[in-house]
Amino acid sequence: MASSSAAADREREYAEHTAAFRQERLELLQDINTLAQDAAMNFGSLNDNLDRLIGLTQSVAATRPTWQALARSTFGQHATEEAESKQS
């Protein structure tokens, strides 16, 4: 009888540990899922910001010929070329 009681105790203890392990595993999986969702949202925001940055860069690049022409007409060709050579 003591043997079957000890076996029943071991089975109960095993079942309790298994249940606790499964609960911890479930909580960890939920945390991982939350982190993955946060990462996806952050990646989307990053992607949007990179698109905006590319657009702004292209806009600035498109205005350069206009500013070069304005500088040439204001300061003369020589001064503009000298300033551009210093930027390089």
PDB file of N, CA and C in Angstrom:
ATOM      1  N   MET A   1       0.807  -1.181   0.000  1.00  0.00           N
ATOM      2  CA  MET A   1       0.000   0.000   0.000  1.00  0.00           C
ATOM      3  C   MET A   1       0.868   1.270   0.000  1.00  0.00           C
ATOM      4  N   ALA A   2       1.948   1.228   0.781  1.00  0.00           N
ATOM      5  CA  ALA A   2       2.835   2.381   0.852  1.00  0.00           C
ATOM      6  C   ALA A   2       3.477   2.640  -0.503  1.00  0.00           C
ATOM      7  N   SER A   3       3.725   1.559  -1.217  1.00  0.00           N
ATOM      8  CA  SER A   3       4.329   1.676  -2.537  1.00  0.00           C
ATOM      9  C   SER A   3       3.390   2.363  -3.514  1.00  0.00           C
ATOM     10  N   SER A   4       2.121   1.981  -3.486  1.00  0.00           N
ATOM     11  CA  SER A   4       1.171   2.613  -4.391  1.00  0.00           C
ATOM     12  C   SER A   4       0.902   4.058  -3.978  1.00  0.00           C
ATOM     13  N   SER A   5       0.964   4.339  -2.691  1.00  0.00           N
ATOM     14  CA  SER A   5       0.787   5.706  -2.212  1.00  0.00           C
ATOM     15  C   SER A   5       1.955   6.586  -2.670  1.00  0.00           C
ATOM     16  N   ALA A   6       3.177   6.035  -2.601  1.00  0.00           N
ATOM     17  CA  ALA A   6       4.360   6.772  -3.044  1.00  0.00           C
ATOM     18  C   ALA A   6       4.301   7.005  -4.556  1.00  0.00           C
ATOM     19  N   ALA A   7       3.845   5.998  -5.285  1.00  0.00           N
ATOM     20  CA  ALA A   7       3.725   6.137  -6.736  1.00  0.00           C
ATOM     21  C   ALA A   7       2.677   7.192  -7.079  1.00  0.00           C
ATOM     22  N   ALA A   8       1.569   7.194  -6.350  1.00  0.00           N
ATOM     23  CA  ALA A   8       0.521   8.187  -6.584  1.00  0.00           C
ATOM     24  C   ALA A   8       1.034   9.582  -6.266  1.00  0.00           C
ATOM     25  N   ASP A   9       1.838   9.697  -5.211  1.00  0.00           N
ATOM     26  CA  ASP A   9       2.421  10.999  -4.851  1.00  0.00           C
ATOM     27  C   ASP A   9       3.366  11.493  -5.947  1.00  0.00           C
ATOM     28  N   ARG A  10       4.180  10.563  -6.467  1.00  0.00           N
ATOM     29  CA  ARG A  10       5.113  10.932  -7.545  1.00  0.00           C
ATOM     30  C   ARG A  10       4.347  11.361  -8.793  1.00  0.00           C
ATOM     31  N   GLU A  11       3.295  10.658  -9.122  1.00  0.00           N
ATOM     32  CA  GLU A  11       2.476  11.014 -10.286  1.00  0.00           C
ATOM     33  C   GLU A  11       1.820  12.375 -10.097  1.00  0.00           C
ATOM     34  N   ARG A  12       1.329  12.640  -8.912  1.00  0.00           N
ATOM     35  CA  ARG A  12       0.691  13.927  -8.616  1.00  0.00           C
ATOM     36  C   ARG A  12       1.737  15.051  -8.702  1.00  0.00           C
ATOM     37  N   GLU A  13       2.912  14.777  -8.122  1.00  0.00           N
ATOM     38  CA  GLU A  13       3.981  15.782  -8.169  1.00  0.00           C
ATOM     39  C   GLU A  13       4.414  16.040  -9.616  1.00  0.00           C
ATOM     40  N   TYR A  14       4.529  14.972 -10.401  1.00  0.00           N
ATOM     41  CA  TYR A  14       4.887  15.104 -11.817  1.00  0.00           C
ATOM     42  C   TYR A  14       3.829  15.927 -12.558  1.00  0.00           C
ATOM     43  N   ALA A  15       2.573  15.642 -12.291  1.00  0.00           N
ATOM     44  CA  ALA A  15       1.475  16.370 -12.942  1.00  0.00           C
ATOM     45  C   ALA A  15       1.507  17.846 -12.557  1.00  0.00           C
ATOM     46  N   GLU A  16       1.801  18.151 -11.296  1.00  0.00           N
ATOM     47  CA  GLU A  16       1.879  19.553 -10.842  1.00  0.00           C
ATOM     48  C   GLU A  16       3.042  20.281 -11.532  1.00  0.00           C
ATOM     49  N   HIS A  17       4.192  19.611 -11.592  1.00  0.00           N
ATOM     50  CA  HIS A  17       5.358  20.222 -12.244  1.00  0.00           C
ATOM     51  C   HIS A  17       5.096  20.430 -13.735  1.00  0.00           C
ATOM     52  N   THR A  18       4.464  19.457 -14.352  1.00  0.00           N
ATOM     53  CA  THR A  18       4.150  19.563 -15.773  1.00  0.00           C
ATOM     54  C   THR A  18       3.197  20.724 -16.024  1.00  0.00           C
ATOM     55  N   ALA A  19       2.185  20.852 -15.166  1.00  0.00           N
ATOM     56  CA  ALA A  19       1.230  21.953 -15.315  1.00  0.00           C
ATOM     57  C   ALA A  19       1.923  23.304 -15.130  1.00  0.00           C
ATOM     58  N   ALA A  20       2.819  23.399 -14.138  1.00  0.00           N
ATOM     59  CA  ALA A  20       3.547  24.650 -13.901  1.00  0.00           C
ATOM     60  C   ALA A  20       4.453  24.975 -15.097  1.00  0.00           C
ATOM     61  N   PHE A  21       5.120  23.937 -15.606  1.00  0.00           N
ATOM     62  CA  PHE A  21       5.983  24.135 -16.767  1.00  0.00           C
ATOM     63  C   PHE A  21       5.175  24.615 -17.963  1.00  0.00           C
ATOM     64  N   ARG A  22       4.031  23.998 -18.211  1.00  0.00           N
ATOM     65  CA  ARG A  22       3.199  24.400 -19.341  1.00  0.00           C
ATOM     66  C   ARG A  22       2.701  25.834 -19.182  1.00  0.00           C
ATOM     67  N   GLN A  23       2.366  26.231 -17.959  1.00  0.00           N
ATOM     68  CA  GLN A  23       1.904  27.602 -17.714  1.00  0.00           C
ATOM     69  C   GLN A  23       3.028  28.602 -17.988  1.00  0.00           C
ATOM     70  N   GLU A  24       4.230  28.294 -17.504  1.00  0.00           N
ATOM     71  CA  GLU A  24       5.378  29.174 -17.752  1.00  0.00           C
ATOM     72  C   GLU A  24       5.663  29.267 -19.253  1.00  0.00           C
ATOM     73  N   ARG A  25       5.594  28.131 -19.925  1.00  0.00           N
ATOM     74  CA  ARG A  25       5.825  28.098 -21.369  1.00  0.00           C
ATOM     75  C   ARG A  25       4.790  28.937 -22.101  1.00  0.00           C
ATOM     76  N   LEU A  26       3.536  28.835 -21.706  1.00  0.00           N
ATOM     77  CA  LEU A  26       2.472  29.628 -22.319  1.00  0.00           C
ATOM     78  C   LEU A  26       2.724  31.121 -22.114  1.00  0.00           C
ATOM     79  N   GLU A  27       3.108  31.513 -20.905  1.00  0.00           N
ATOM     80  CA  GLU A  27       3.395  32.922 -20.623  1.00  0.00           C
ATOM     81  C   GLU A  27       4.572  33.419 -21.456  1.00  0.00           C
ATOM     82  N   LEU A  28       5.609  32.587 -21.593  1.00  0.00           N
ATOM     83  CA  LEU A  28       6.757  32.982 -22.419  1.00  0.00           C
ATOM     84  C   LEU A  28       6.365  33.124 -23.885  1.00  0.00           C
ATOM     85  N   LEU A  29       5.556  32.209 -24.374  1.00  0.00           N
ATOM     86  CA  LEU A  29       5.104  32.313 -25.759  1.00  0.00           C
ATOM     87  C   LEU A  29       4.255  33.564 -25.981  1.00  0.00           C
ATOM     88  N   GLN A  30       3.446  33.917 -24.990  1.00  0.00           N
ATOM     89  CA  GLN A  30       2.652  35.142 -25.102  1.00  0.00           C
ATOM     90  C   GLN A  30       3.551  36.368 -25.111  1.00  0.00           C
ATOM     91  N   ASP A  31       4.593  36.354 -24.274  1.00  0.00           N
ATOM     92  CA  ASP A  31       5.554  37.462 -24.270  1.00  0.00           C
ATOM     93  C   ASP A  31       6.281  37.569 -25.608  1.00  0.00           C
ATOM     94  N   ILE A  32       6.676  36.432 -26.160  1.00  0.00           N
ATOM     95  CA  ILE A  32       7.349  36.424 -27.464  1.00  0.00           C
ATOM     96  C   ILE A  32       6.419  36.968 -28.540  1.00  0.00           C
ATOM     97  N   ASN A  33       5.165  36.572 -28.493  1.00  0.00           N
ATOM     98  CA  ASN A  33       4.185  37.055 -29.467  1.00  0.00           C
ATOM     99  C   ASN A  33       4.020  38.569 -29.362  1.00  0.00           C
ATOM    100  N   THR A  34       3.933  39.077 -28.142  1.00  0.00           N
ATOM    101  CA  THR A  34       3.811  40.525 -27.933  1.00  0.00           C
ATOM    102  C   THR A  34       5.034  41.249 -28.486  1.00  0.00           C
ATOM    103  N   LEU A  35       6.219  40.717 -28.192  1.00  0.00           N
ATOM    104  CA  LEU A  35       7.448  41.337 -28.705  1.00  0.00           C
ATOM    105  C   LEU A  35       7.505  41.302 -30.224  1.00  0.00           C
ATOM    106  N   ALA A  36       7.062  40.211 -30.813  1.00  0.00           N
ATOM    107  CA  ALA A  36       7.053  40.108 -32.281  1.00  0.00           C
ATOM    108  C   ALA A  36       6.091  41.128 -32.888  1.00  0.00           C
ATOM    109  N   GLN A  37       4.938  41.324 -32.262  1.00  0.00           N
ATOM    110  CA  GLN A  37       3.985  42.313 -32.764  1.00  0.00           C
ATOM    111  C   GLN A  37       4.566  43.719 -32.633  1.00  0.00           C
ATOM    112  N   ASP A  38       5.213  44.004 -31.500  1.00  0.00           N
ATOM    113  CA  ASP A  38       5.849  45.312 -31.319  1.00  0.00           C
ATOM    114  C   ASP A  38       6.938  45.537 -32.363  1.00  0.00           C
ATOM    115  N   ALA A  39       7.729  44.505 -32.612  1.00  0.00           N
ATOM    116  CA  ALA A  39       8.801  44.622 -33.606  1.00  0.00           C
ATOM    117  C   ALA A  39       8.221  44.885 -34.995  1.00  0.00           C
ATOM    118  N   ALA A  40       7.129  44.223 -35.316  1.00  0.00           N
ATOM    119  CA  ALA A  40       6.501  44.427 -36.632  1.00  0.00           C
ATOM    120  C   ALA A  40       5.994  45.858 -36.770  1.00  0.00           C
ATOM    121  N   MET A  41       5.397  46.387 -35.705  1.00  0.00           N
ATOM    122  CA  MET A  41       4.913  47.776 -35.765  1.00  0.00           C
ATOM    123  C   MET A  41       6.086  48.741 -35.884  1.00  0.00           C
ATOM    124  N   ASN A  42       7.163  48.487 -35.128  1.00  0.00           N
ATOM    125  CA  ASN A  42       8.333  49.358 -35.203  1.00  0.00           C
ATOM    126  C   ASN A  42       8.979  49.284 -36.582  1.00  0.00           C
ATOM    127  N   PHE A  43       9.016  48.091 -37.162  1.00  0.00           N
ATOM    128  CA  PHE A  43       9.581  47.952 -38.499  1.00  0.00           C
ATOM    129  C   PHE A  43       8.751  48.742 -39.506  1.00  0.00           C
ATOM    130  N   GLY A  44       7.421  48.689 -39.347  1.00  0.00           N
ATOM    131  CA  GLY A  44       6.550  49.460 -40.235  1.00  0.00           C
ATOM    132  C   GLY A  44       6.818  50.950 -40.112  1.00  0.00           C
ATOM    133  N   SER A  45       6.990  51.431 -38.879  1.00  0.00           N
ATOM    134  CA  SER A  45       7.295  52.849 -38.654  1.00  0.00           C
ATOM    135  C   SER A  45       8.654  53.204 -39.245  1.00  0.00           C
ATOM    136  N   LEU A  46       9.619  52.315 -39.045  1.00  0.00           N
ATOM    137  CA  LEU A  46      10.949  52.555 -39.601  1.00  0.00           C
ATOM    138  C   LEU A  46      10.892  52.623 -41.119  1.00  0.00           C
ATOM    139  N   ASN A  47      10.145  51.720 -41.709  1.00  0.00           N
ATOM    140  CA  ASN A  47      10.005  51.707 -43.164  1.00  0.00           C
ATOM    141  C   ASN A  47       9.362  53.006 -43.656  1.00  0.00           C
ATOM    142  N   ASP A  48       8.318  53.467 -42.966  1.00  0.00           N
ATOM    143  CA  ASP A  48       7.672  54.734 -43.330  1.00  0.00           C
ATOM    144  C   ASP A  48       8.652  55.896 -43.217  1.00  0.00           C
ATOM    145  N   ASN A  49       9.428  55.917 -42.139  1.00  0.00           N
ATOM    146  CA  ASN A  49      10.393  57.000 -41.950  1.00  0.00           C
ATOM    147  C   ASN A  49      11.489  56.965 -43.005  1.00  0.00           C
ATOM    148  N   LEU A  50      11.929  55.765 -43.386  1.00  0.00           N
ATOM    149  CA  LEU A  50      12.937  55.672 -44.448  1.00  0.00           C
ATOM    150  C   LEU A  50      12.382  56.160 -45.780  1.00  0.00           C
ATOM    151  N   ASP A  51      11.118  55.837 -46.062  1.00  0.00           N
ATOM    152  CA  ASP A  51      10.490  56.340 -47.292  1.00  0.00           C
ATOM    153  C   ASP A  51      10.442  57.863 -47.293  1.00  0.00           C
ATOM    154  N   ARG A  52      10.091  58.446 -46.146  1.00  0.00           N
ATOM    155  CA  ARG A  52      10.054  59.919 -46.046  1.00  0.00           C
ATOM    156  C   ARG A  52      11.441  60.507 -46.232  1.00  0.00           C
ATOM    157  N   LEU A  53      12.454  59.875 -45.617  1.00  0.00           N
ATOM    158  CA  LEU A  53      13.821  60.364 -45.740  1.00  0.00           C
ATOM    159  C   LEU A  53      14.297  60.309 -47.191  1.00  0.00           C
ATOM    160  N   ILE A  54      13.973  59.221 -47.875  1.00  0.00           N
ATOM    161  CA  ILE A  54      14.339  59.105 -49.288  1.00  0.00           C
ATOM    162  C   ILE A  54      13.659  60.197 -50.101  1.00  0.00           C
ATOM    163  N   GLY A  55      12.386  60.438 -49.831  1.00  0.00           N
ATOM    164  CA  GLY A  55      11.658  61.492 -50.536  1.00  0.00           C
ATOM    165  C   GLY A  55      12.264  62.861 -50.297  1.00  0.00           C
ATOM    166  N   LEU A  56      12.623  63.149 -49.046  1.00  0.00           N
ATOM    167  CA  LEU A  56      13.242  64.440 -48.738  1.00  0.00           C
ATOM    168  C   LEU A  56      14.603  64.578 -49.416  1.00  0.00           C
ATOM    169  N   THR A  57      15.373  63.499 -49.402  1.00  0.00           N
ATOM    170  CA  THR A  57      16.686  63.527 -50.053  1.00  0.00           C
ATOM    171  C   THR A  57      16.543  63.790 -51.547  1.00  0.00           C
ATOM    172  N   GLN A  58      15.571  63.137 -52.165  1.00  0.00           N
ATOM    173  CA  GLN A  58      15.343  63.356 -53.593  1.00  0.00           C
ATOM    174  C   GLN A  58      14.882  64.788 -53.850  1.00  0.00           C
ATOM    175  N   SER A  59      14.067  65.328 -52.962  1.00  0.00           N
ATOM    176  CA  SER A  59      13.608  66.714 -53.127  1.00  0.00           C
ATOM    177  C   SER A  59      14.771  67.690 -53.015  1.00  0.00           C
ATOM    178  N   VAL A  60      15.640  67.453 -52.049  1.00  0.00           N
ATOM    179  CA  VAL A  60      16.804  68.328 -51.880  1.00  0.00           C
ATOM    180  C   VAL A  60      17.717  68.220 -53.100  1.00  0.00           C
ATOM    181  N   ALA A  61      17.928  66.997 -53.567  1.00  0.00           N
ATOM    182  CA  ALA A  61      18.784  66.807 -54.747  1.00  0.00           C
ATOM    183  C   ALA A  61      18.183  67.492 -55.976  1.00  0.00           C
ATOM    184  N   ALA A  62      16.877  67.482 -56.093  1.00  0.00           N
ATOM    185  CA  ALA A  62      16.223  68.108 -57.247  1.00  0.00           C
ATOM    186  C   ALA A  62      16.353  69.624 -57.211  1.00  0.00           C
ATOM    187  N   THR A  63      16.503  70.203 -56.022  1.00  0.00           N
ATOM    188  CA  THR A  63      16.616  71.665 -55.931  1.00  0.00           C
ATOM    189  C   THR A  63      18.047  72.154 -56.141  1.00  0.00           C
ATOM    190  N   ARG A  64      19.015  71.265 -56.135  1.00  0.00           N
ATOM    191  CA  ARG A  64      20.413  71.690 -56.258  1.00  0.00           C
ATOM    192  C   ARG A  64      20.687  72.467 -57.539  1.00  0.00           C
ATOM    193  N   PRO A  65      20.222  72.002 -58.705  1.00  0.00           N
ATOM    194  CA  PRO A  65      20.486  72.798 -59.918  1.00  0.00           C
ATOM    195  C   PRO A  65      19.906  74.211 -59.813  1.00  0.00           C
ATOM    196  N   THR A  66      18.753  74.340 -59.166  1.00  0.00           N
ATOM    197  CA  THR A  66      18.148  75.664 -59.006  1.00  0.00           C
ATOM    198  C   THR A  66      19.033  76.555 -58.142  1.00  0.00           C
ATOM    199  N   TRP A  67      19.541  75.996 -57.050  1.00  0.00           N
ATOM    200  CA  TRP A  67      20.406  76.782 -56.174  1.00  0.00           C
ATOM    201  C   TRP A  67      21.734  77.099 -56.851  1.00  0.00           C
ATOM    202  N   GLN A  68      22.243  76.177 -57.642  1.00  0.00           N
ATOM    203  CA  GLN A  68      23.483  76.450 -58.369  1.00  0.00           C
ATOM    204  C   GLN A  68      23.275  77.590 -59.371  1.00  0.00           C
ATOM    205  N   ALA A  69      22.166  77.557 -60.071  1.00  0.00           N
ATOM    206  CA  ALA A  69      21.874  78.620 -61.038  1.00  0.00           C
ATOM    207  C   ALA A  69      21.712  79.952 -60.328  1.00  0.00           C
ATOM    208  N   LEU A  70      21.037  79.953 -59.197  1.00  0.00           N
ATOM    209  CA  LEU A  70      20.856  81.187 -58.427  1.00  0.00           C
ATOM    210  C   LEU A  70      22.208  81.716 -57.943  1.00  0.00           C
ATOM    211  N   ALA A  71      23.052  80.829 -57.467  1.00  0.00           N
ATOM    212  CA  ALA A  71      24.371  81.255 -56.993  1.00  0.00           C
ATOM    213  C   ALA A  71      25.205  81.823 -58.139  1.00  0.00           C
ATOM    214  N   ARG A  72      25.143  81.184 -59.287  1.00  0.00           N
ATOM    215  CA  ARG A  72      25.908  81.685 -60.445  1.00  0.00           C
ATOM    216  C   ARG A  72      25.433  83.075 -60.859  1.00  0.00           C
ATOM    217  N   SER A  73      24.120  83.260 -60.878  1.00  0.00           N
ATOM    218  CA  SER A  73      23.607  84.559 -61.298  1.00  0.00           C
ATOM    219  C   SER A  73      23.895  85.626 -60.248  1.00  0.00           C
ATOM    220  N   THR A  74      23.978  85.223 -58.994  1.00  0.00           N
ATOM    221  CA  THR A  74      24.211  86.194 -57.928  1.00  0.00           C
ATOM    222  C   THR A  74      25.695  86.473 -57.730  1.00  0.00           C
ATOM    223  N   PHE A  75      26.504  85.426 -57.676  1.00  0.00           N
ATOM    224  CA  PHE A  75      27.915  85.592 -57.332  1.00  0.00           C
ATOM    225  C   PHE A  75      28.862  85.422 -58.510  1.00  0.00           C
ATOM    226  N   GLY A  76      28.365  84.973 -59.614  1.00  0.00           N
ATOM    227  CA  GLY A  76      29.219  84.748 -60.783  1.00  0.00           C
ATOM    228  C   GLY A  76      29.705  83.311 -60.843  1.00  0.00           C
ATOM    229  N   GLN A  77      30.054  82.899 -62.033  1.00  0.00           N
ATOM    230  CA  GLN A  77      30.466  81.516 -62.298  1.00  0.00           C
ATOM    231  C   GLN A  77      31.685  81.128 -61.474  1.00  0.00           C
ATOM    232  N   HIS A  78      32.682  82.002 -61.407  1.00  0.00           N
ATOM    233  CA  HIS A  78      33.939  81.668 -60.730  1.00  0.00           C
ATOM    234  C   HIS A  78      33.711  81.407 -59.245  1.00  0.00           C
ATOM    235  N   ALA A  79      32.964  82.245 -58.581  1.00  0.00           N
ATOM    236  CA  ALA A  79      32.715  82.078 -57.148  1.00  0.00           C
ATOM    237  C   ALA A  79      31.929  80.802 -56.876  1.00  0.00           C
ATOM    238  N   THR A  80      31.002  80.481 -57.747  1.00  0.00           N
ATOM    239  CA  THR A  80      30.191  79.271 -57.571  1.00  0.00           C
ATOM    240  C   THR A  80      31.047  78.027 -57.733  1.00  0.00           C
ATOM    241  N   GLU A  81      31.884  78.005 -58.756  1.00  0.00           N
ATOM    242  CA  GLU A  81      32.759  76.850 -58.971  1.00  0.00           C
ATOM    243  C   GLU A  81      33.743  76.695 -57.822  1.00  0.00           C
ATOM    244  N   GLU A  82      34.238  77.804 -57.289  1.00  0.00           N
ATOM    245  CA  GLU A  82      35.175  77.756 -56.168  1.00  0.00           C
ATOM    246  C   GLU A  82      34.481  77.182 -54.925  1.00  0.00           C
ATOM    247  N   ALA A  83      33.262  77.610 -54.674  1.00  0.00           N
ATOM    248  CA  ALA A  83      32.513  77.094 -53.522  1.00  0.00           C
ATOM    249  C   ALA A  83      32.221  75.602 -53.678  1.00  0.00           C
ATOM    250  N   GLU A  84      31.871  75.177 -54.901  1.00  0.00           N
ATOM    251  CA  GLU A  84      31.588  73.763 -55.144  1.00  0.00           C
ATOM    252  C   GLU A  84      32.848  72.919 -54.981  1.00  0.00           C
ATOM    253  N   SER A  85      34.007  73.454 -55.397  1.00  0.00           N
ATOM    254  CA  SER A  85      35.246  72.686 -55.257  1.00  0.00           C
ATOM    255  C   SER A  85      35.631  72.543 -53.786  1.00  0.00           C
ATOM    256  N   LYS A  86      35.291  73.507 -52.955  1.00  0.00           N
ATOM    257  CA  LYS A  86      35.569  73.409 -51.522  1.00  0.00           C
ATOM    258  C   LYS A  86      34.655  72.390 -50.847  1.00  0.00           C
ATOM    259  N   GLN A  87      33.446  72.212 -51.382  1.00  0.00           N
ATOM    260  CA  GLN A  87      32.516  71.232 -50.812  1.00  0.00           C
ATOM    261  C   GLN A  87      32.955  69.810 -51.119  1.00  0.00           C
ATOM    262  N   SER A  88      33.644  69.597 -52.199  1.00  0.00           N
ATOM    263  CA  SER A  88      34.047  68.242 -52.621  1.00  0.00           C
ATOM    264  C   SER A  88      35.132  67.674 -51.773  1.00  0.00           C
TER     265      SER A  88
END
